[in-house]
Structure formats: C-alpha cells, structure tokens
Amino acid sequence: MQDYNYVWANCFEITLELSCCKYPPTSELQQEWENNRDSLLAFIEQVVHIGVKGFVRDAVTGAGLENATIVVAGIAHNITAGK
C-alpha cells in the first residue's frame, strides 16, 4: 500500500516498528507507547514541514489548476496536483 500511495496518491507513508514482537500483549502496549512517545513526536516535528506544499494556480487568472505536473530537477518522481 505504501508504494501505491506514493506513486498514485502523492502520499508518503511509513511503517514504524517499535519492538521485535509483532503482537505484543495488551498489557505491554502502554509501556511501548511510553518508551517511544518522545521519539515519535520528535520525528513528526522534524518531517512535518519537509517538502513542498501549496496550490498550483494560473499565473494570469489565479484560478487553481487541476492535474498540473510538478517537476523538480534531480528528483525522478513527478507529482500531479489534485483538484
């Protein structure tokens, strides 16, 4: 799903694994949260504003442009604007 969303939905997803245990017991979930809370929040603070965001508009009319292709030199993945 991550690859599909990156290519087709302009959405970058990640998976975070907190321990080597795939299905920790319910009784350990609170401790896992407490062990990783600060690191997760620091990660979110670091990456939340990385990248480009905004609106693609016509230079003359200022109207929003749908399906405009955004190309960045040196990056081999173009982005298509939504509605």
PDB file of N, CA and C in Angstrom:
ATOM      1  N   MET A   1       0.815  -1.185   0.000  1.00  0.00           N
ATOM      2  CA  MET A   1       0.000   0.000   0.000  1.00  0.00           C
ATOM      3  C   MET A   1       0.867   1.259   0.000  1.00  0.00           C
ATOM      4  N   GLN A   2       2.003   1.215   0.691  1.00  0.00           N
ATOM      5  CA  GLN A   2       2.867   2.387   0.741  1.00  0.00           C
ATOM      6  C   GLN A   2       3.345   2.779  -0.655  1.00  0.00           C
ATOM      7  N   ASP A   3       3.780   1.805  -1.446  1.00  0.00           N
ATOM      8  CA  ASP A   3       4.256   2.100  -2.795  1.00  0.00           C
ATOM      9  C   ASP A   3       3.134   2.645  -3.657  1.00  0.00           C
ATOM     10  N   TYR A   4       1.961   2.058  -3.565  1.00  0.00           N
ATOM     11  CA  TYR A   4       0.817   2.517  -4.350  1.00  0.00           C
ATOM     12  C   TYR A   4       0.489   3.969  -4.010  1.00  0.00           C
ATOM     13  N   ASN A   5       0.409   4.275  -2.736  1.00  0.00           N
ATOM     14  CA  ASN A   5       0.073   5.637  -2.317  1.00  0.00           C
ATOM     15  C   ASN A   5       1.133   6.648  -2.755  1.00  0.00           C
ATOM     16  N   TYR A   6       2.399   6.255  -2.725  1.00  0.00           N
ATOM     17  CA  TYR A   6       3.468   7.162  -3.128  1.00  0.00           C
ATOM     18  C   TYR A   6       3.366   7.488  -4.615  1.00  0.00           C
ATOM     19  N   VAL A   7       3.134   6.456  -5.430  1.00  0.00           N
ATOM     20  CA  VAL A   7       3.112   6.646  -6.876  1.00  0.00           C
ATOM     21  C   VAL A   7       1.808   7.275  -7.360  1.00  0.00           C
ATOM     22  N   TRP A   8       0.674   6.830  -6.837  1.00  0.00           N
ATOM     23  CA  TRP A   8      -0.615   7.216  -7.397  1.00  0.00           C
ATOM     24  C   TRP A   8      -1.381   8.258  -6.581  1.00  0.00           C
ATOM     25  N   ALA A   9      -1.074   8.431  -5.307  1.00  0.00           N
ATOM     26  CA  ALA A   9      -1.873   9.346  -4.479  1.00  0.00           C
ATOM     27  C   ALA A   9      -1.045  10.500  -3.912  1.00  0.00           C
ATOM     28  N   ASN A  10       0.241  10.593  -4.328  1.00  0.00           N
ATOM     29  CA  ASN A  10       1.117  11.651  -3.828  1.00  0.00           C
ATOM     30  C   ASN A  10       1.172  11.668  -2.307  1.00  0.00           C
ATOM     31  N   CYS A  11       1.151  10.494  -1.726  1.00  0.00           N
ATOM     32  CA  CYS A  11       1.139  10.355  -0.270  1.00  0.00           C
ATOM     33  C   CYS A  11       2.314   9.466   0.127  1.00  0.00           C
ATOM     34  N   PHE A  12       3.124   9.935   1.037  1.00  0.00           N
ATOM     35  CA  PHE A  12       4.271   9.158   1.502  1.00  0.00           C
ATOM     36  C   PHE A  12       3.950   8.568   2.868  1.00  0.00           C
ATOM     37  N   GLU A  13       3.864   7.259   2.937  1.00  0.00           N
ATOM     38  CA  GLU A  13       3.551   6.575   4.197  1.00  0.00           C
ATOM     39  C   GLU A  13       4.795   5.887   4.727  1.00  0.00           C
ATOM     40  N   ILE A  14       4.834   5.710   6.022  1.00  0.00           N
ATOM     41  CA  ILE A  14       5.910   4.953   6.652  1.00  0.00           C
ATOM     42  C   ILE A  14       5.305   3.940   7.615  1.00  0.00           C
ATOM     43  N   THR A  15       6.086   2.940   7.919  1.00  0.00           N
ATOM     44  CA  THR A  15       5.723   1.971   8.941  1.00  0.00           C
ATOM     45  C   THR A  15       6.763   2.063  10.049  1.00  0.00           C
ATOM     46  N   LEU A  16       6.315   2.206  11.277  1.00  0.00           N
ATOM     47  CA  LEU A  16       7.216   2.243  12.423  1.00  0.00           C
ATOM     48  C   LEU A  16       7.035   0.969  13.227  1.00  0.00           C
ATOM     49  N   GLU A  17       8.112   0.287  13.466  1.00  0.00           N
ATOM     50  CA  GLU A  17       8.069  -0.917  14.279  1.00  0.00           C
ATOM     51  C   GLU A  17       8.757  -0.610  15.594  1.00  0.00           C
ATOM     52  N   LEU A  18       8.038  -0.807  16.666  1.00  0.00           N
ATOM     53  CA  LEU A  18       8.521  -0.386  17.976  1.00  0.00           C
ATOM     54  C   LEU A  18       9.282  -1.459  18.727  1.00  0.00           C
ATOM     55  N   SER A  19       9.080  -2.699  18.366  1.00  0.00           N
ATOM     56  CA  SER A  19       9.787  -3.785  19.032  1.00  0.00           C
ATOM     57  C   SER A  19       9.882  -4.955  18.066  1.00  0.00           C
ATOM     58  N   CYS A  20      10.571  -5.981  18.465  1.00  0.00           N
ATOM     59  CA  CYS A  20      10.680  -7.165  17.607  1.00  0.00           C
ATOM     60  C   CYS A  20       9.451  -8.060  17.735  1.00  0.00           C
ATOM     61  N   CYS A  21       8.577  -7.756  18.675  1.00  0.00           N
ATOM     62  CA  CYS A  21       7.365  -8.542  18.903  1.00  0.00           C
ATOM     63  C   CYS A  21       6.247  -8.011  18.007  1.00  0.00           C
ATOM     64  N   LYS A  22       5.788  -8.839  17.065  1.00  0.00           N
ATOM     65  CA  LYS A  22       4.758  -8.398  16.120  1.00  0.00           C
ATOM     66  C   LYS A  22       3.420  -8.137  16.817  1.00  0.00           C
ATOM     67  N   TYR A  23       3.075  -8.932  17.796  1.00  0.00           N
ATOM     68  CA  TYR A  23       1.804  -8.791  18.506  1.00  0.00           C
ATOM     69  C   TYR A  23       2.048  -8.754  20.012  1.00  0.00           C
ATOM     70  N   PRO A  24       2.454  -7.595  20.536  1.00  0.00           N
ATOM     71  CA  PRO A  24       2.704  -7.524  21.978  1.00  0.00           C
ATOM     72  C   PRO A  24       1.406  -7.694  22.761  1.00  0.00           C
ATOM     73  N   PRO A  25       1.491  -8.259  23.930  1.00  0.00           N
ATOM     74  CA  PRO A  25       0.294  -8.396  24.763  1.00  0.00           C
ATOM     75  C   PRO A  25      -0.296  -7.018  25.082  1.00  0.00           C
ATOM     76  N   THR A  26      -1.589  -6.969  25.233  1.00  0.00           N
ATOM     77  CA  THR A  26      -2.281  -5.724  25.549  1.00  0.00           C
ATOM     78  C   THR A  26      -1.697  -5.066  26.789  1.00  0.00           C
ATOM     79  N   SER A  27      -1.298  -5.868  27.734  1.00  0.00           N
ATOM     80  CA  SER A  27      -0.768  -5.323  28.982  1.00  0.00           C
ATOM     81  C   SER A  27       0.545  -4.559  28.781  1.00  0.00           C
ATOM     82  N   GLU A  28       1.232  -4.754  27.654  1.00  0.00           N
ATOM     83  CA  GLU A  28       2.505  -4.078  27.388  1.00  0.00           C
ATOM     84  C   GLU A  28       2.366  -2.850  26.480  1.00  0.00           C
ATOM     85  N   LEU A  29       1.188  -2.610  25.927  1.00  0.00           N
ATOM     86  CA  LEU A  29       1.023  -1.527  24.969  1.00  0.00           C
ATOM     87  C   LEU A  29       1.276  -0.143  25.577  1.00  0.00           C
ATOM     88  N   GLN A  30       0.815   0.083  26.780  1.00  0.00           N
ATOM     89  CA  GLN A  30       1.042   1.376  27.425  1.00  0.00           C
ATOM     90  C   GLN A  30       2.530   1.638  27.605  1.00  0.00           C
ATOM     91  N   GLN A  31       3.273   0.617  28.001  1.00  0.00           N
ATOM     92  CA  GLN A  31       4.718   0.777  28.190  1.00  0.00           C
ATOM     93  C   GLN A  31       5.414   1.040  26.850  1.00  0.00           C
ATOM     94  N   GLU A  32       4.975   0.355  25.782  1.00  0.00           N
ATOM     95  CA  GLU A  32       5.552   0.606  24.450  1.00  0.00           C
ATOM     96  C   GLU A  32       5.322   2.065  24.048  1.00  0.00           C
ATOM     97  N   TRP A  33       4.113   2.570  24.299  1.00  0.00           N
ATOM     98  CA  TRP A  33       3.818   3.971  23.985  1.00  0.00           C
ATOM     99  C   TRP A  33       4.743   4.895  24.769  1.00  0.00           C
ATOM    100  N   GLU A  34       4.862   4.654  26.054  1.00  0.00           N
ATOM    101  CA  GLU A  34       5.710   5.500  26.896  1.00  0.00           C
ATOM    102  C   GLU A  34       7.176   5.433  26.469  1.00  0.00           C
ATOM    103  N   ASN A  35       7.632   4.251  26.050  1.00  0.00           N
ATOM    104  CA  ASN A  35       9.022   4.091  25.607  1.00  0.00           C
ATOM    105  C   ASN A  35       9.311   4.859  24.318  1.00  0.00           C
ATOM    106  N   ASN A  36       8.305   5.046  23.480  1.00  0.00           N
ATOM    107  CA  ASN A  36       8.537   5.583  22.146  1.00  0.00           C
ATOM    108  C   ASN A  36       7.869   6.927  21.875  1.00  0.00           C
ATOM    109  N   ARG A  37       7.107   7.430  22.809  1.00  0.00           N
ATOM    110  CA  ARG A  37       6.344   8.663  22.600  1.00  0.00           C
ATOM    111  C   ARG A  37       7.226   9.845  22.204  1.00  0.00           C
ATOM    112  N   ASP A  38       8.268  10.117  22.975  1.00  0.00           N
ATOM    113  CA  ASP A  38       9.118  11.274  22.703  1.00  0.00           C
ATOM    114  C   ASP A  38       9.809  11.161  21.349  1.00  0.00           C
ATOM    115  N   SER A  39      10.269   9.965  21.002  1.00  0.00           N
ATOM    116  CA  SER A  39      10.921   9.764  19.709  1.00  0.00           C
ATOM    117  C   SER A  39       9.935   9.963  18.567  1.00  0.00           C
ATOM    118  N   LEU A  40       8.724   9.470  18.712  1.00  0.00           N
ATOM    119  CA  LEU A  40       7.711   9.633  17.674  1.00  0.00           C
ATOM    120  C   LEU A  40       7.362  11.107  17.483  1.00  0.00           C
ATOM    121  N   LEU A  41       7.163  11.818  18.555  1.00  0.00           N
ATOM    122  CA  LEU A  41       6.842  13.242  18.459  1.00  0.00           C
ATOM    123  C   LEU A  41       7.998  14.036  17.848  1.00  0.00           C
ATOM    124  N   ALA A  42       9.229  13.695  18.198  1.00  0.00           N
ATOM    125  CA  ALA A  42      10.389  14.377  17.618  1.00  0.00           C
ATOM    126  C   ALA A  42      10.473  14.109  16.122  1.00  0.00           C
ATOM    127  N   PHE A  43      10.186  12.877  15.716  1.00  0.00           N
ATOM    128  CA  PHE A  43      10.186  12.538  14.293  1.00  0.00           C
ATOM    129  C   PHE A  43       9.124  13.340  13.550  1.00  0.00           C
ATOM    130  N   ILE A  44       7.927  13.402  14.096  1.00  0.00           N
ATOM    131  CA  ILE A  44       6.840  14.149  13.462  1.00  0.00           C
ATOM    132  C   ILE A  44       7.212  15.622  13.333  1.00  0.00           C
ATOM    133  N   GLU A  45       7.772  16.196  14.381  1.00  0.00           N
ATOM    134  CA  GLU A  45       8.177  17.606  14.341  1.00  0.00           C
ATOM    135  C   GLU A  45       9.232  17.859  13.278  1.00  0.00           C
ATOM    136  N   GLN A  46      10.101  16.886  13.067  1.00  0.00           N
ATOM    137  CA  GLN A  46      11.185  17.052  12.097  1.00  0.00           C
ATOM    138  C   GLN A  46      10.675  16.980  10.660  1.00  0.00           C
ATOM    139  N   VAL A  47       9.773  16.066  10.359  1.00  0.00           N
ATOM    140  CA  VAL A  47       9.405  15.824   8.960  1.00  0.00           C
ATOM    141  C   VAL A  47       8.116  16.502   8.519  1.00  0.00           C
ATOM    142  N   VAL A  48       7.374  17.069   9.430  1.00  0.00           N
ATOM    143  CA  VAL A  48       6.055  17.592   9.066  1.00  0.00           C
ATOM    144  C   VAL A  48       6.133  18.710   8.035  1.00  0.00           C
ATOM    145  N   HIS A  49       7.194  19.486   8.016  1.00  0.00           N
ATOM    146  CA  HIS A  49       7.283  20.611   7.086  1.00  0.00           C
ATOM    147  C   HIS A  49       8.316  20.409   5.982  1.00  0.00           C
ATOM    148  N   ILE A  50       8.796  19.185   5.819  1.00  0.00           N
ATOM    149  CA  ILE A  50       9.742  18.913   4.735  1.00  0.00           C
ATOM    150  C   ILE A  50       8.949  18.707   3.449  1.00  0.00           C
ATOM    151  N   GLY A  51       9.402  19.280   2.380  1.00  0.00           N
ATOM    152  CA  GLY A  51       8.740  19.099   1.096  1.00  0.00           C
ATOM    153  C   GLY A  51       8.108  20.384   0.603  1.00  0.00           C
ATOM    154  N   VAL A  52       7.254  20.229  -0.369  1.00  0.00           N
ATOM    155  CA  VAL A  52       6.586  21.365  -0.980  1.00  0.00           C
ATOM    156  C   VAL A  52       5.093  21.218  -0.741  1.00  0.00           C
ATOM    157  N   LYS A  53       4.451  22.316  -0.382  1.00  0.00           N
ATOM    158  CA  LYS A  53       3.008  22.280  -0.203  1.00  0.00           C
ATOM    159  C   LYS A  53       2.439  23.604  -0.682  1.00  0.00           C
ATOM    160  N   GLY A  54       1.218  23.560  -1.111  1.00  0.00           N
ATOM    161  CA  GLY A  54       0.605  24.790  -1.574  1.00  0.00           C
ATOM    162  C   GLY A  54      -0.379  24.517  -2.689  1.00  0.00           C
ATOM    163  N   PHE A  55      -0.666  25.536  -3.457  1.00  0.00           N
ATOM    164  CA  PHE A  55      -1.641  25.454  -4.538  1.00  0.00           C
ATOM    165  C   PHE A  55      -0.960  25.763  -5.860  1.00  0.00           C
ATOM    166  N   VAL A  56      -1.388  25.085  -6.909  1.00  0.00           N
ATOM    167  CA  VAL A  56      -0.907  25.374  -8.255  1.00  0.00           C
ATOM    168  C   VAL A  56      -1.973  26.248  -8.904  1.00  0.00           C
ATOM    169  N   ARG A  57      -1.584  27.461  -9.274  1.00  0.00           N
ATOM    170  CA  ARG A  57      -2.542  28.431  -9.800  1.00  0.00           C
ATOM    171  C   ARG A  57      -2.084  28.967 -11.156  1.00  0.00           C
ATOM    172  N   ASP A  58      -3.066  29.357 -11.945  1.00  0.00           N
ATOM    173  CA  ASP A  58      -2.813  30.004 -13.214  1.00  0.00           C
ATOM    174  C   ASP A  58      -2.166  31.365 -12.936  1.00  0.00           C
ATOM    175  N   ALA A  59      -1.092  31.687 -13.659  1.00  0.00           N
ATOM    176  CA  ALA A  59      -0.347  32.934 -13.413  1.00  0.00           C
ATOM    177  C   ALA A  59      -1.168  34.179 -13.742  1.00  0.00           C
ATOM    178  N   VAL A  60      -2.120  34.073 -14.646  1.00  0.00           N
ATOM    179  CA  VAL A  60      -2.900  35.241 -15.062  1.00  0.00           C
ATOM    180  C   VAL A  60      -4.178  35.383 -14.248  1.00  0.00           C
ATOM    181  N   THR A  61      -4.948  34.303 -14.172  1.00  0.00           N
ATOM    182  CA  THR A  61      -6.263  34.389 -13.522  1.00  0.00           C
ATOM    183  C   THR A  61      -6.227  34.063 -12.035  1.00  0.00           C
ATOM    184  N   GLY A  62      -5.204  33.328 -11.606  1.00  0.00           N
ATOM    185  CA  GLY A  62      -5.135  32.914 -10.207  1.00  0.00           C
ATOM    186  C   GLY A  62      -6.002  31.712  -9.888  1.00  0.00           C
ATOM    187  N   ALA A  63      -6.676  31.186 -10.907  1.00  0.00           N
ATOM    188  CA  ALA A  63      -7.538  30.011 -10.699  1.00  0.00           C
ATOM    189  C   ALA A  63      -6.685  28.774 -10.438  1.00  0.00           C
ATOM    190  N   GLY A  64      -7.183  27.879  -9.604  1.00  0.00           N
ATOM    191  CA  GLY A  64      -6.481  26.643  -9.327  1.00  0.00           C
ATOM    192  C   GLY A  64      -6.394  25.765 -10.566  1.00  0.00           C
ATOM    193  N   LEU A  65      -5.276  25.076 -10.734  1.00  0.00           N
ATOM    194  CA  LEU A  65      -5.071  24.186 -11.876  1.00  0.00           C
ATOM    195  C   LEU A  65      -5.124  22.740 -11.410  1.00  0.00           C
ATOM    196  N   GLU A  66      -6.000  21.963 -12.003  1.00  0.00           N
ATOM    197  CA  GLU A  66      -6.099  20.539 -11.677  1.00  0.00           C
ATOM    198  C   GLU A  66      -5.126  19.750 -12.542  1.00  0.00           C
ATOM    199  N   ASN A  67      -4.621  18.673 -12.003  1.00  0.00           N
ATOM    200  CA  ASN A  67      -3.772  17.717 -12.725  1.00  0.00           C
ATOM    201  C   ASN A  67      -2.517  18.353 -13.323  1.00  0.00           C
ATOM    202  N   ALA A  68      -2.018  19.411 -12.730  1.00  0.00           N
ATOM    203  CA  ALA A  68      -0.760  20.009 -13.179  1.00  0.00           C
ATOM    204  C   ALA A  68       0.383  19.123 -12.721  1.00  0.00           C
ATOM    205  N   THR A  69       1.349  18.892 -13.588  1.00  0.00           N
ATOM    206  CA  THR A  69       2.506  18.074 -13.238  1.00  0.00           C
ATOM    207  C   THR A  69       3.582  18.972 -12.645  1.00  0.00           C
ATOM    208  N   ILE A  70       4.069  18.589 -11.477  1.00  0.00           N
ATOM    209  CA  ILE A  70       5.105  19.343 -10.774  1.00  0.00           C
ATOM    210  C   ILE A  70       6.403  18.552 -10.908  1.00  0.00           C
ATOM    211  N   VAL A  71       7.399  19.176 -11.526  1.00  0.00           N
ATOM    212  CA  VAL A  71       8.677  18.518 -11.798  1.00  0.00           C
ATOM    213  C   VAL A  71       9.766  19.250 -11.017  1.00  0.00           C
ATOM    214  N   VAL A  72      10.579  18.477 -10.296  1.00  0.00           N
ATOM    215  CA  VAL A  72      11.704  19.046  -9.553  1.00  0.00           C
ATOM    216  C   VAL A  72      12.979  18.455 -10.126  1.00  0.00           C
ATOM    217  N   ALA A  73      13.897  19.308 -10.550  1.00  0.00           N
ATOM    218  CA  ALA A  73      15.159  18.843 -11.116  1.00  0.00           C
ATOM    219  C   ALA A  73      15.904  17.973 -10.112  1.00  0.00           C
ATOM    220  N   GLY A  74      16.368  16.837 -10.570  1.00  0.00           N
ATOM    221  CA  GLY A  74      17.148  15.940  -9.717  1.00  0.00           C
ATOM    222  C   GLY A  74      16.309  14.914  -8.971  1.00  0.00           C
ATOM    223  N   ILE A  75      14.986  15.004  -9.067  1.00  0.00           N
ATOM    224  CA  ILE A  75      14.112  14.024  -8.425  1.00  0.00           C
ATOM    225  C   ILE A  75      13.341  13.306  -9.533  1.00  0.00           C
ATOM    226  N   ALA A  76      13.430  12.013  -9.570  1.00  0.00           N
ATOM    227  CA  ALA A  76      12.864  11.237 -10.682  1.00  0.00           C
ATOM    228  C   ALA A  76      11.400  10.886 -10.489  1.00  0.00           C
ATOM    229  N   HIS A  77      10.720  11.556  -9.592  1.00  0.00           N
ATOM    230  CA  HIS A  77       9.305  11.261  -9.339  1.00  0.00           C
ATOM    231  C   HIS A  77       8.521  12.561  -9.407  1.00  0.00           C
ATOM    232  N   ASN A  78       7.702  12.697 -10.451  1.00  0.00           N
ATOM    233  CA  ASN A  78       6.879  13.894 -10.589  1.00  0.00           C
ATOM    234  C   ASN A  78       5.623  13.754  -9.724  1.00  0.00           C
ATOM    235  N   ILE A  79       5.053  14.884  -9.380  1.00  0.00           N
ATOM    236  CA  ILE A  79       3.820  14.928  -8.595  1.00  0.00           C
ATOM    237  C   ILE A  79       2.748  15.585  -9.459  1.00  0.00           C
ATOM    238  N   THR A  80       1.538  15.067  -9.379  1.00  0.00           N
ATOM    239  CA  THR A  80       0.423  15.664 -10.102  1.00  0.00           C
ATOM    240  C   THR A  80      -0.494  16.317  -9.087  1.00  0.00           C
ATOM    241  N   ALA A  81      -0.817  17.598  -9.324  1.00  0.00           N
ATOM    242  CA  ALA A  81      -1.702  18.333  -8.419  1.00  0.00           C
ATOM    243  C   ALA A  81      -3.098  17.734  -8.456  1.00  0.00           C
ATOM    244  N   GLY A  82      -3.775  17.813  -7.340  1.00  0.00           N
ATOM    245  CA  GLY A  82      -5.160  17.354  -7.255  1.00  0.00           C
ATOM    246  C   GLY A  82      -6.119  18.450  -7.669  1.00  0.00           C
ATOM    247  N   LYS A  83      -7.342  18.333  -7.191  1.00  0.00           N
ATOM    248  CA  LYS A  83      -8.373  19.339  -7.504  1.00  0.00           C
ATOM    249  C   LYS A  83      -8.176  20.571  -6.649  1.00  0.00           C
TER     250      LYS A  83
END
